[in-house]
Amino acid sequence: MTTDVTIRSEARFSAPQYAICLAGIIWREGLRFLHQRERFISALVRPLVWLFIFAAGFRQVLGVSIIPPYETYVLYEVYITPGLIAMIQLFNGMQSSLSMVYDREMGNMRTLLVSPFPRWYLLSSKLIAGTAVSLLQVYAFLFIAWFWEIEPPPIGYLTVIPALVLSGLMLGALGMLISSVITQLENFAGVMNFVIFPMFFASSALYPLWRVQEGSPFLYYVCQANPFTHATELIRFALYGQVNWISLAVVCGCTAVFMVGAILAYDPARGLLARRGDRGGAA
């Protein structure tokens, strides 16, 4: 352990070397995504089912009034599109974290974490790689949705990119934090469901919060405190060239908290993984 710490403290890398490390991790994540075609298909099937079936069935029931950023009445499928985009990123963040649990069980994670690069940089690079993959999935979904007459302003396809990056980082960091406390691969599916579905349904993804407040004031405050709500609203406003400053602050703050928690949890000196490893070695 002393030798490892010494090597890390003495290692000094230039900016190109950091860039090569980042590019390598992104390339590995991209190859894994390309080789798992069912992952890409499933990432699109879930939101498309909600868009084509759920939205069609509830269009007349769940009407949407004129609320920012919309300047007129919109169809229900137009309203839920930002929430479905955030759902794609949420599932992708959890899938990326699942791969980390798998790599840890198979021993591949050790190859990454014994690198002389700082551990926070390796985890950040992994997070950036997962976010880059989520952007491909989101734009594939928007391309299909365009044929369903869901057409935000053309400039919205560009102005939404920063919002997608921030929301992808936040949801990916959350998944990374969760992966740090999962001991077995079999337990991850249950934890995913415990996190994904409450976050998705207790948000503004499927219905405006003013309707939630009419039905349950308590649930309204739960939705307001849900980071997924603010990720959805950040994307919603960005699609129309606007910024929701409250959502921006919440997303940035949650990203920092989740990422710091993940870095500490993966720290070999004080992280949860090290403690479980010590107990396992003692046994």
C-alpha atoms as a PDB file:
ATOM      1  CA  MET A   1       0.000   0.000   0.000  1.00  0.00           C
ATOM      2  CA  THR A   2       2.875   2.391   0.816  1.00  0.00           C
ATOM      3  CA  THR A   3       4.496   1.715  -2.546  1.00  0.00           C
ATOM      4  CA  ASP A   4       1.218   2.331  -4.344  1.00  0.00           C
ATOM      5  CA  VAL A   5       0.731   5.651  -2.562  1.00  0.00           C
ATOM      6  CA  THR A   6       4.318   6.658  -3.329  1.00  0.00           C
ATOM      7  CA  ILE A   7       3.940   5.889  -7.014  1.00  0.00           C
ATOM      8  CA  ARG A   8       0.724   7.881  -7.170  1.00  0.00           C
ATOM      9  CA  SER A   9       2.217  10.859  -5.355  1.00  0.00           C
ATOM     10  CA  GLU A  10       5.314  10.930  -7.563  1.00  0.00           C
ATOM     11  CA  ALA A  11       3.500  10.426 -10.859  1.00  0.00           C
ATOM     12  CA  ARG A  12       3.155  13.545 -12.920  1.00  0.00           C
ATOM     13  CA  PHE A  13       1.352  13.548 -16.223  1.00  0.00           C
ATOM     14  CA  SER A  14       1.031  16.101 -18.988  1.00  0.00           C
ATOM     15  CA  ALA A  15      -2.251  17.264 -20.500  1.00  0.00           C
ATOM     16  CA  PRO A  16      -1.844  15.049 -23.624  1.00  0.00           C
ATOM     17  CA  GLN A  17      -1.346  12.016 -21.389  1.00  0.00           C
ATOM     18  CA  TYR A  18      -4.531  12.792 -19.482  1.00  0.00           C
ATOM     19  CA  ALA A  19      -6.303  13.205 -22.828  1.00  0.00           C
ATOM     20  CA  ILE A  20      -5.017   9.820 -24.032  1.00  0.00           C
ATOM     21  CA  CYS A  21      -6.312   8.198 -20.849  1.00  0.00           C
ATOM     22  CA  LEU A  22      -9.723   9.811 -21.288  1.00  0.00           C
ATOM     23  CA  ALA A  23      -9.882   8.840 -24.967  1.00  0.00           C
ATOM     24  CA  GLY A  24      -8.990   5.247 -24.114  1.00  0.00           C
ATOM     25  CA  ILE A  25     -11.768   4.947 -21.535  1.00  0.00           C
ATOM     26  CA  ILE A  26     -14.297   6.548 -23.902  1.00  0.00           C
ATOM     27  CA  TRP A  27     -13.176   4.214 -26.705  1.00  0.00           C
ATOM     28  CA  ARG A  28     -13.566   1.168 -24.446  1.00  0.00           C
ATOM     29  CA  GLU A  29     -17.044   2.247 -23.374  1.00  0.00           C
ATOM     30  CA  GLY A  30     -18.010   2.921 -26.992  1.00  0.00           C
ATOM     31  CA  LEU A  31     -16.827  -0.517 -28.132  1.00  0.00           C
ATOM     32  CA  ARG A  32     -18.730  -2.169 -25.312  1.00  0.00           C
ATOM     33  CA  PHE A  33     -21.850  -0.271 -26.327  1.00  0.00           C
ATOM     34  CA  LEU A  34     -21.461  -1.256 -29.992  1.00  0.00           C
ATOM     35  CA  HIS A  35     -21.011  -4.905 -29.089  1.00  0.00           C
ATOM     36  CA  GLN A  36     -24.133  -4.851 -26.915  1.00  0.00           C
ATOM     37  CA  ARG A  37     -26.724  -4.046 -29.562  1.00  0.00           C
ATOM     38  CA  GLU A  38     -29.548  -5.215 -27.332  1.00  0.00           C
ATOM     39  CA  ARG A  39     -28.562  -2.459 -24.895  1.00  0.00           C
ATOM     40  CA  PHE A  40     -29.103   0.159 -27.604  1.00  0.00           C
ATOM     41  CA  ILE A  41     -32.407  -1.376 -28.675  1.00  0.00           C
ATOM     42  CA  SER A  42     -33.721  -1.652 -25.130  1.00  0.00           C
ATOM     43  CA  ALA A  43     -32.684   1.951 -24.438  1.00  0.00           C
ATOM     44  CA  LEU A  44     -34.979   3.048 -27.286  1.00  0.00           C
ATOM     45  CA  VAL A  45     -37.824   0.574 -26.760  1.00  0.00           C
ATOM     46  CA  ARG A  46     -38.670   1.824 -23.265  1.00  0.00           C
ATOM     47  CA  PRO A  47     -39.248   5.506 -24.140  1.00  0.00           C
ATOM     48  CA  LEU A  48     -40.850   4.670 -27.482  1.00  0.00           C
ATOM     49  CA  VAL A  49     -43.417   2.441 -25.761  1.00  0.00           C
ATOM     50  CA  TRP A  50     -44.291   5.333 -23.454  1.00  0.00           C
ATOM     51  CA  LEU A  51     -44.400   7.730 -26.388  1.00  0.00           C
ATOM     52  CA  PHE A  52     -46.460   5.660 -28.817  1.00  0.00           C
ATOM     53  CA  ILE A  53     -48.755   3.750 -26.446  1.00  0.00           C
ATOM     54  CA  PHE A  54     -48.961   5.489 -23.085  1.00  0.00           C
ATOM     55  CA  ALA A  55     -49.159   9.006 -24.527  1.00  0.00           C
ATOM     56  CA  ALA A  56     -51.807   8.000 -27.049  1.00  0.00           C
ATOM     57  CA  GLY A  57     -53.959   6.433 -24.364  1.00  0.00           C
ATOM     58  CA  PHE A  58     -53.695   9.325 -21.894  1.00  0.00           C
ATOM     59  CA  ARG A  59     -53.709  12.253 -24.317  1.00  0.00           C
ATOM     60  CA  GLN A  60     -57.298  13.157 -23.526  1.00  0.00           C
ATOM     61  CA  VAL A  61     -57.056  12.409 -19.813  1.00  0.00           C
ATOM     62  CA  LEU A  62     -53.882  14.254 -18.897  1.00  0.00           C
ATOM     63  CA  GLY A  63     -54.264  17.621 -20.554  1.00  0.00           C
ATOM     64  CA  VAL A  64     -51.466  20.157 -20.273  1.00  0.00           C
ATOM     65  CA  SER A  65     -52.101  23.857 -19.784  1.00  0.00           C
ATOM     66  CA  ILE A  66     -49.861  26.616 -21.083  1.00  0.00           C
ATOM     67  CA  ILE A  67     -46.817  26.459 -18.820  1.00  0.00           C
ATOM     68  CA  PRO A  68     -43.220  27.566 -19.362  1.00  0.00           C
ATOM     69  CA  PRO A  69     -41.374  26.990 -21.606  1.00  0.00           C
ATOM     70  CA  TYR A  70     -44.393  26.363 -23.839  1.00  0.00           C
ATOM     71  CA  GLU A  71     -46.122  29.400 -25.298  1.00  0.00           C
ATOM     72  CA  THR A  72     -49.238  27.524 -26.360  1.00  0.00           C
ATOM     73  CA  TYR A  73     -51.053  24.285 -25.638  1.00  0.00           C
ATOM     74  CA  VAL A  74     -48.989  21.222 -26.524  1.00  0.00           C
ATOM     75  CA  LEU A  75     -49.877  17.601 -27.097  1.00  0.00           C
ATOM     76  CA  TYR A  76     -49.250  15.265 -24.224  1.00  0.00           C
ATOM     77  CA  GLU A  77     -46.561  13.380 -26.136  1.00  0.00           C
ATOM     78  CA  VAL A  78     -44.704  16.646 -26.637  1.00  0.00           C
ATOM     79  CA  TYR A  79     -44.826  17.290 -22.899  1.00  0.00           C
ATOM     80  CA  ILE A  80     -43.460  13.892 -21.854  1.00  0.00           C
ATOM     81  CA  THR A  81     -40.607  13.873 -24.395  1.00  0.00           C
ATOM     82  CA  PRO A  82     -38.085  15.620 -22.070  1.00  0.00           C
ATOM     83  CA  GLY A  83     -38.954  13.177 -19.307  1.00  0.00           C
ATOM     84  CA  LEU A  84     -38.399  10.237 -21.656  1.00  0.00           C
ATOM     85  CA  ILE A  85     -35.047  11.709 -22.666  1.00  0.00           C
ATOM     86  CA  ALA A  86     -34.071  11.916 -19.000  1.00  0.00           C
ATOM     87  CA  MET A  87     -35.287   8.334 -18.562  1.00  0.00           C
ATOM     88  CA  ILE A  88     -32.890   7.214 -21.304  1.00  0.00           C
ATOM     89  CA  GLN A  89     -30.038   8.866 -19.444  1.00  0.00           C
ATOM     90  CA  LEU A  90     -31.158   7.405 -16.125  1.00  0.00           C
ATOM     91  CA  PHE A  91     -31.205   3.858 -17.474  1.00  0.00           C
ATOM     92  CA  ASN A  92     -27.895   4.425 -19.237  1.00  0.00           C
ATOM     93  CA  GLY A  93     -26.318   5.657 -16.006  1.00  0.00           C
ATOM     94  CA  MET A  94     -27.518   2.550 -14.223  1.00  0.00           C
ATOM     95  CA  GLN A  95     -26.316   0.291 -17.048  1.00  0.00           C
ATOM     96  CA  SER A  96     -22.873   1.897 -16.923  1.00  0.00           C
ATOM     97  CA  SER A  97     -22.799   1.310 -13.184  1.00  0.00           C
ATOM     98  CA  LEU A  98     -23.876  -2.293 -13.729  1.00  0.00           C
ATOM     99  CA  SER A  99     -20.829  -2.736 -15.957  1.00  0.00           C
ATOM    100  CA  MET A 100     -18.659  -1.415 -13.124  1.00  0.00           C
ATOM    101  CA  VAL A 101     -20.107  -4.007 -10.743  1.00  0.00           C
ATOM    102  CA  TYR A 102     -19.485  -6.702 -13.366  1.00  0.00           C
ATOM    103  CA  ASP A 103     -15.914  -5.512 -13.939  1.00  0.00           C
ATOM    104  CA  ARG A 104     -15.307  -5.527 -10.200  1.00  0.00           C
ATOM    105  CA  GLU A 105     -16.517  -9.116  -9.861  1.00  0.00           C
ATOM    106  CA  MET A 106     -14.529 -10.288 -12.901  1.00  0.00           C
ATOM    107  CA  GLY A 107     -11.392  -8.474 -11.786  1.00  0.00           C
ATOM    108  CA  ASN A 108     -11.265  -6.012 -14.706  1.00  0.00           C
ATOM    109  CA  MET A 109     -11.848  -3.089 -12.361  1.00  0.00           C
ATOM    110  CA  ARG A 110      -8.470  -3.680 -10.730  1.00  0.00           C
ATOM    111  CA  THR A 111      -6.746  -3.074 -14.058  1.00  0.00           C
ATOM    112  CA  LEU A 112      -8.338   0.347 -14.225  1.00  0.00           C
ATOM    113  CA  LEU A 113      -7.906   1.354 -10.606  1.00  0.00           C
ATOM    114  CA  VAL A 114      -4.207   0.346 -10.334  1.00  0.00           C
ATOM    115  CA  SER A 115      -3.390   2.852 -13.068  1.00  0.00           C
ATOM    116  CA  PRO A 116      -0.989   5.586 -11.898  1.00  0.00           C
ATOM    117  CA  PHE A 117      -3.556   8.193 -12.903  1.00  0.00           C
ATOM    118  CA  PRO A 118      -5.521   9.735 -10.005  1.00  0.00           C
ATOM    119  CA  ARG A 119      -8.512   7.693  -9.014  1.00  0.00           C
ATOM    120  CA  TRP A 120     -10.846  10.692  -9.240  1.00  0.00           C
ATOM    121  CA  TYR A 121      -9.748  11.234 -12.842  1.00  0.00           C
ATOM    122  CA  LEU A 122     -10.358   7.605 -13.801  1.00  0.00           C
ATOM    123  CA  LEU A 123     -13.846   7.657 -12.314  1.00  0.00           C
ATOM    124  CA  SER A 124     -14.578  11.026 -13.938  1.00  0.00           C
ATOM    125  CA  SER A 125     -13.413   9.665 -17.302  1.00  0.00           C
ATOM    126  CA  LYS A 126     -15.685   6.655 -16.861  1.00  0.00           C
ATOM    127  CA  LEU A 127     -18.555   9.026 -16.096  1.00  0.00           C
ATOM    128  CA  ILE A 128     -17.829  11.178 -19.158  1.00  0.00           C
ATOM    129  CA  ALA A 129     -17.693   8.077 -21.356  1.00  0.00           C
ATOM    130  CA  GLY A 130     -21.088   6.924 -20.113  1.00  0.00           C
ATOM    131  CA  THR A 131     -22.556  10.379 -20.719  1.00  0.00           C
ATOM    132  CA  ALA A 132     -21.207  10.394 -24.279  1.00  0.00           C
ATOM    133  CA  VAL A 133     -22.950   7.073 -24.946  1.00  0.00           C
ATOM    134  CA  SER A 134     -26.211   8.460 -23.543  1.00  0.00           C
ATOM    135  CA  LEU A 135     -26.067  11.377 -26.011  1.00  0.00           C
ATOM    136  CA  LEU A 136     -26.070   8.925 -28.919  1.00  0.00           C
ATOM    137  CA  GLN A 137     -29.119   7.190 -27.487  1.00  0.00           C
ATOM    138  CA  VAL A 138     -30.960  10.472 -26.891  1.00  0.00           C
ATOM    139  CA  TYR A 139     -30.452  11.768 -30.425  1.00  0.00           C
ATOM    140  CA  ALA A 140     -31.500   8.430 -31.890  1.00  0.00           C
ATOM    141  CA  PHE A 141     -34.711   8.755 -29.860  1.00  0.00           C
ATOM    142  CA  LEU A 142     -35.244  12.361 -30.998  1.00  0.00           C
ATOM    143  CA  PHE A 143     -34.740  11.275 -34.603  1.00  0.00           C
ATOM    144  CA  ILE A 144     -37.500   8.669 -34.297  1.00  0.00           C
ATOM    145  CA  ALA A 145     -39.736  11.069 -32.370  1.00  0.00           C
ATOM    146  CA  TRP A 146     -39.431  13.600 -35.200  1.00  0.00           C
ATOM    147  CA  PHE A 147     -41.448  11.247 -37.411  1.00  0.00           C
ATOM    148  CA  TRP A 148     -44.089  11.297 -34.655  1.00  0.00           C
ATOM    149  CA  GLU A 149     -44.365  15.065 -35.191  1.00  0.00           C
ATOM    150  CA  ILE A 150     -42.475  15.942 -32.041  1.00  0.00           C
ATOM    151  CA  GLU A 151     -40.480  18.834 -33.391  1.00  0.00           C
ATOM    152  CA  PRO A 152     -38.844  21.288 -30.988  1.00  0.00           C
ATOM    153  CA  PRO A 153     -37.355  24.434 -32.545  1.00  0.00           C
ATOM    154  CA  PRO A 154     -34.376  23.509 -34.759  1.00  0.00           C
ATOM    155  CA  ILE A 155     -32.026  25.450 -32.507  1.00  0.00           C
ATOM    156  CA  GLY A 156     -33.264  23.317 -29.611  1.00  0.00           C
ATOM    157  CA  TYR A 157     -31.326  20.322 -30.903  1.00  0.00           C
ATOM    158  CA  LEU A 158     -28.142  22.309 -30.179  1.00  0.00           C
ATOM    159  CA  THR A 159     -29.143  24.249 -27.060  1.00  0.00           C
ATOM    160  CA  VAL A 160     -30.167  21.018 -25.353  1.00  0.00           C
ATOM    161  CA  ILE A 161     -26.644  19.559 -25.532  1.00  0.00           C
ATOM    162  CA  PRO A 162     -25.312  21.301 -22.365  1.00  0.00           C
ATOM    163  CA  ALA A 163     -28.441  20.212 -20.480  1.00  0.00           C
ATOM    164  CA  LEU A 164     -27.993  16.641 -21.690  1.00  0.00           C
ATOM    165  CA  VAL A 165     -24.365  16.640 -20.604  1.00  0.00           C
ATOM    166  CA  LEU A 166     -25.189  17.950 -17.119  1.00  0.00           C
ATOM    167  CA  SER A 167     -28.136  15.626 -16.580  1.00  0.00           C
ATOM    168  CA  GLY A 168     -26.143  12.679 -17.930  1.00  0.00           C
ATOM    169  CA  LEU A 169     -23.296  13.450 -15.533  1.00  0.00           C
ATOM    170  CA  MET A 170     -25.673  13.736 -12.587  1.00  0.00           C
ATOM    171  CA  LEU A 171     -27.530  10.492 -13.281  1.00  0.00           C
ATOM    172  CA  GLY A 172     -24.307   8.673 -14.146  1.00  0.00           C
ATOM    173  CA  ALA A 173     -22.684   9.876 -10.915  1.00  0.00           C
ATOM    174  CA  LEU A 174     -25.712   8.620  -9.000  1.00  0.00           C
ATOM    175  CA  GLY A 175     -25.362   5.219 -10.615  1.00  0.00           C
ATOM    176  CA  MET A 176     -21.637   5.193  -9.857  1.00  0.00           C
ATOM    177  CA  LEU A 177     -22.339   5.983  -6.218  1.00  0.00           C
ATOM    178  CA  ILE A 178     -24.881   3.160  -6.054  1.00  0.00           C
ATOM    179  CA  SER A 179     -22.448   0.721  -7.669  1.00  0.00           C
ATOM    180  CA  SER A 180     -19.937   1.422  -4.905  1.00  0.00           C
ATOM    181  CA  VAL A 181     -22.215  -0.123  -2.288  1.00  0.00           C
ATOM    182  CA  ILE A 182     -23.414  -3.134  -4.313  1.00  0.00           C
ATOM    183  CA  THR A 183     -21.627  -6.290  -3.198  1.00  0.00           C
ATOM    184  CA  GLN A 184     -23.021  -8.737  -5.778  1.00  0.00           C
ATOM    185  CA  LEU A 185     -24.129  -8.441  -9.379  1.00  0.00           C
ATOM    186  CA  GLU A 186     -27.394 -10.210  -8.610  1.00  0.00           C
ATOM    187  CA  ASN A 187     -28.429  -7.471  -6.175  1.00  0.00           C
ATOM    188  CA  PHE A 188     -28.028  -4.656  -8.665  1.00  0.00           C
ATOM    189  CA  ALA A 189     -31.298  -5.254 -10.563  1.00  0.00           C
ATOM    190  CA  GLY A 190     -33.355  -4.895  -7.399  1.00  0.00           C
ATOM    191  CA  VAL A 191     -31.528  -1.742  -6.399  1.00  0.00           C
ATOM    192  CA  MET A 192     -32.008  -0.311  -9.905  1.00  0.00           C
ATOM    193  CA  ASN A 193     -35.759  -0.805  -9.676  1.00  0.00           C
ATOM    194  CA  PHE A 194     -35.808   0.683  -6.186  1.00  0.00           C
ATOM    195  CA  VAL A 195     -34.087   3.826  -7.511  1.00  0.00           C
ATOM    196  CA  ILE A 196     -35.338   4.182 -11.088  1.00  0.00           C
ATOM    197  CA  PHE A 197     -39.084   3.838 -10.719  1.00  0.00           C
ATOM    198  CA  PRO A 198     -39.572   6.121  -7.682  1.00  0.00           C
ATOM    199  CA  MET A 199     -37.364   8.761  -9.324  1.00  0.00           C
ATOM    200  CA  PHE A 200     -39.219   8.528 -12.621  1.00  0.00           C
ATOM    201  CA  PHE A 201     -42.800   8.493 -11.359  1.00  0.00           C
ATOM    202  CA  ALA A 202     -42.283  11.023  -8.542  1.00  0.00           C
ATOM    203  CA  SER A 203     -41.182  13.714 -10.971  1.00  0.00           C
ATOM    204  CA  SER A 204     -42.506  16.059 -13.634  1.00  0.00           C
ATOM    205  CA  ALA A 205     -41.639  13.583 -16.388  1.00  0.00           C
ATOM    206  CA  LEU A 206     -45.213  12.366 -16.960  1.00  0.00           C
ATOM    207  CA  TYR A 207     -47.376  15.154 -15.543  1.00  0.00           C
ATOM    208  CA  PRO A 208     -46.922  18.821 -14.623  1.00  0.00           C
ATOM    209  CA  LEU A 209     -46.318  19.508 -10.965  1.00  0.00           C
ATOM    210  CA  TRP A 210     -49.353  21.754 -10.642  1.00  0.00           C
ATOM    211  CA  ARG A 211     -51.512  18.702 -11.300  1.00  0.00           C
ATOM    212  CA  VAL A 212     -49.582  16.742  -8.681  1.00  0.00           C
ATOM    213  CA  GLN A 213     -50.140  19.545  -6.185  1.00  0.00           C
ATOM    214  CA  GLU A 214     -53.889  19.423  -6.795  1.00  0.00           C
ATOM    215  CA  GLY A 215     -53.973  15.723  -5.965  1.00  0.00           C
ATOM    216  CA  SER A 216     -51.372  15.480  -3.187  1.00  0.00           C
ATOM    217  CA  PRO A 217     -49.450  18.439  -1.705  1.00  0.00           C
ATOM    218  CA  PHE A 218     -47.055  16.030   0.013  1.00  0.00           C
ATOM    219  CA  LEU A 219     -46.207  14.273  -3.262  1.00  0.00           C
ATOM    220  CA  TYR A 220     -45.708  17.692  -4.832  1.00  0.00           C
ATOM    221  CA  TYR A 221     -42.923  18.488  -2.375  1.00  0.00           C
ATOM    222  CA  VAL A 222     -41.416  15.043  -2.930  1.00  0.00           C
ATOM    223  CA  CYS A 223     -41.342  15.737  -6.671  1.00  0.00           C
ATOM    224  CA  GLN A 224     -39.795  19.143  -6.044  1.00  0.00           C
ATOM    225  CA  ALA A 225     -37.002  17.527  -4.027  1.00  0.00           C
ATOM    226  CA  ASN A 226     -36.397  14.824  -6.639  1.00  0.00           C
ATOM    227  CA  PRO A 227     -33.207  15.531  -8.663  1.00  0.00           C
ATOM    228  CA  PHE A 228     -34.760  13.735 -11.634  1.00  0.00           C
ATOM    229  CA  THR A 229     -37.470  16.419 -11.777  1.00  0.00           C
ATOM    230  CA  HIS A 230     -34.837  19.100 -12.198  1.00  0.00           C
ATOM    231  CA  ALA A 231     -32.965  17.075 -14.813  1.00  0.00           C
ATOM    232  CA  THR A 232     -36.226  16.782 -16.761  1.00  0.00           C
ATOM    233  CA  GLU A 233     -37.016  20.488 -16.455  1.00  0.00           C
ATOM    234  CA  LEU A 234     -33.485  21.471 -17.434  1.00  0.00           C
ATOM    235  CA  ILE A 235     -33.853  19.425 -20.629  1.00  0.00           C
ATOM    236  CA  ARG A 236     -37.390  20.713 -21.241  1.00  0.00           C
ATOM    237  CA  PHE A 237     -36.359  24.361 -21.117  1.00  0.00           C
ATOM    238  CA  ALA A 238     -33.148  23.760 -23.085  1.00  0.00           C
ATOM    239  CA  LEU A 239     -35.123  22.200 -25.951  1.00  0.00           C
ATOM    240  CA  TYR A 240     -36.759  25.618 -26.383  1.00  0.00           C
ATOM    241  CA  GLY A 241     -33.593  27.660 -25.980  1.00  0.00           C
ATOM    242  CA  GLN A 242     -34.282  28.654 -22.371  1.00  0.00           C
ATOM    243  CA  VAL A 243     -32.618  28.033 -19.014  1.00  0.00           C
ATOM    244  CA  ASN A 244     -34.333  26.956 -15.822  1.00  0.00           C
ATOM    245  CA  TRP A 245     -31.864  28.408 -13.347  1.00  0.00           C
ATOM    246  CA  ILE A 246     -33.216  26.575 -10.311  1.00  0.00           C
ATOM    247  CA  SER A 247     -32.974  23.224 -12.081  1.00  0.00           C
ATOM    248  CA  LEU A 248     -29.499  24.111 -13.320  1.00  0.00           C
ATOM    249  CA  ALA A 249     -28.319  24.820  -9.770  1.00  0.00           C
ATOM    250  CA  VAL A 250     -29.877  21.623  -8.398  1.00  0.00           C
ATOM    251  CA  VAL A 251     -28.425  19.434 -11.154  1.00  0.00           C
ATOM    252  CA  CYS A 252     -24.935  20.908 -10.744  1.00  0.00           C
ATOM    253  CA  GLY A 253     -25.099  20.575  -6.957  1.00  0.00           C
ATOM    254  CA  CYS A 254     -26.337  16.974  -7.056  1.00  0.00           C
ATOM    255  CA  THR A 255     -23.688  16.060  -9.622  1.00  0.00           C
ATOM    256  CA  ALA A 256     -20.970  17.345  -7.310  1.00  0.00           C
ATOM    257  CA  VAL A 257     -22.413  15.554  -4.269  1.00  0.00           C
ATOM    258  CA  PHE A 258     -22.901  12.218  -6.061  1.00  0.00           C
ATOM    259  CA  MET A 259     -19.460  12.357  -7.674  1.00  0.00           C
ATOM    260  CA  VAL A 260     -17.645  13.218  -4.454  1.00  0.00           C
ATOM    261  CA  GLY A 261     -19.503  10.394  -2.724  1.00  0.00           C
ATOM    262  CA  ALA A 262     -18.511   7.930  -5.460  1.00  0.00           C
ATOM    263  CA  ILE A 263     -14.855   9.011  -5.355  1.00  0.00           C
ATOM    264  CA  LEU A 264     -14.733   8.603  -1.586  1.00  0.00           C
ATOM    265  CA  ALA A 265     -16.484   5.228  -1.780  1.00  0.00           C
ATOM    266  CA  TYR A 266     -13.989   3.944  -4.355  1.00  0.00           C
ATOM    267  CA  ASP A 267     -11.024   5.281  -2.389  1.00  0.00           C
ATOM    268  CA  PRO A 268      -8.965   2.238  -1.251  1.00  0.00           C
ATOM    269  CA  ALA A 269      -7.998   3.919   2.018  1.00  0.00           C
ATOM    270  CA  ARG A 270     -11.435   4.867   3.309  1.00  0.00           C
ATOM    271  CA  GLY A 271     -13.998   3.641   0.799  1.00  0.00           C
ATOM    272  CA  LEU A 272     -16.704   1.062   1.296  1.00  0.00           C
ATOM    273  CA  LEU A 273     -15.075  -1.290  -1.189  1.00  0.00           C
ATOM    274  CA  ALA A 274     -11.865  -1.422   0.818  1.00  0.00           C
ATOM    275  CA  ARG A 275     -13.727  -2.203   4.036  1.00  0.00           C
ATOM    276  CA  ARG A 276     -15.620  -5.060   2.426  1.00  0.00           C
ATOM    277  CA  GLY A 277     -12.375  -6.321   0.921  1.00  0.00           C
ATOM    278  CA  ASP A 278     -10.676  -6.268   4.303  1.00  0.00           C
ATOM    279  CA  ARG A 279     -13.508  -8.228   5.861  1.00  0.00           C
ATOM    280  CA  GLY A 280     -13.390 -10.704   2.997  1.00  0.00           C
ATOM    281  CA  GLY A 281      -9.627 -11.132   3.385  1.00  0.00           C
ATOM    282  CA  ALA A 282      -9.943 -11.644   7.118  1.00  0.00           C
ATOM    283  CA  ALA A 283     -12.540 -14.308   6.562  1.00  0.00           C
END
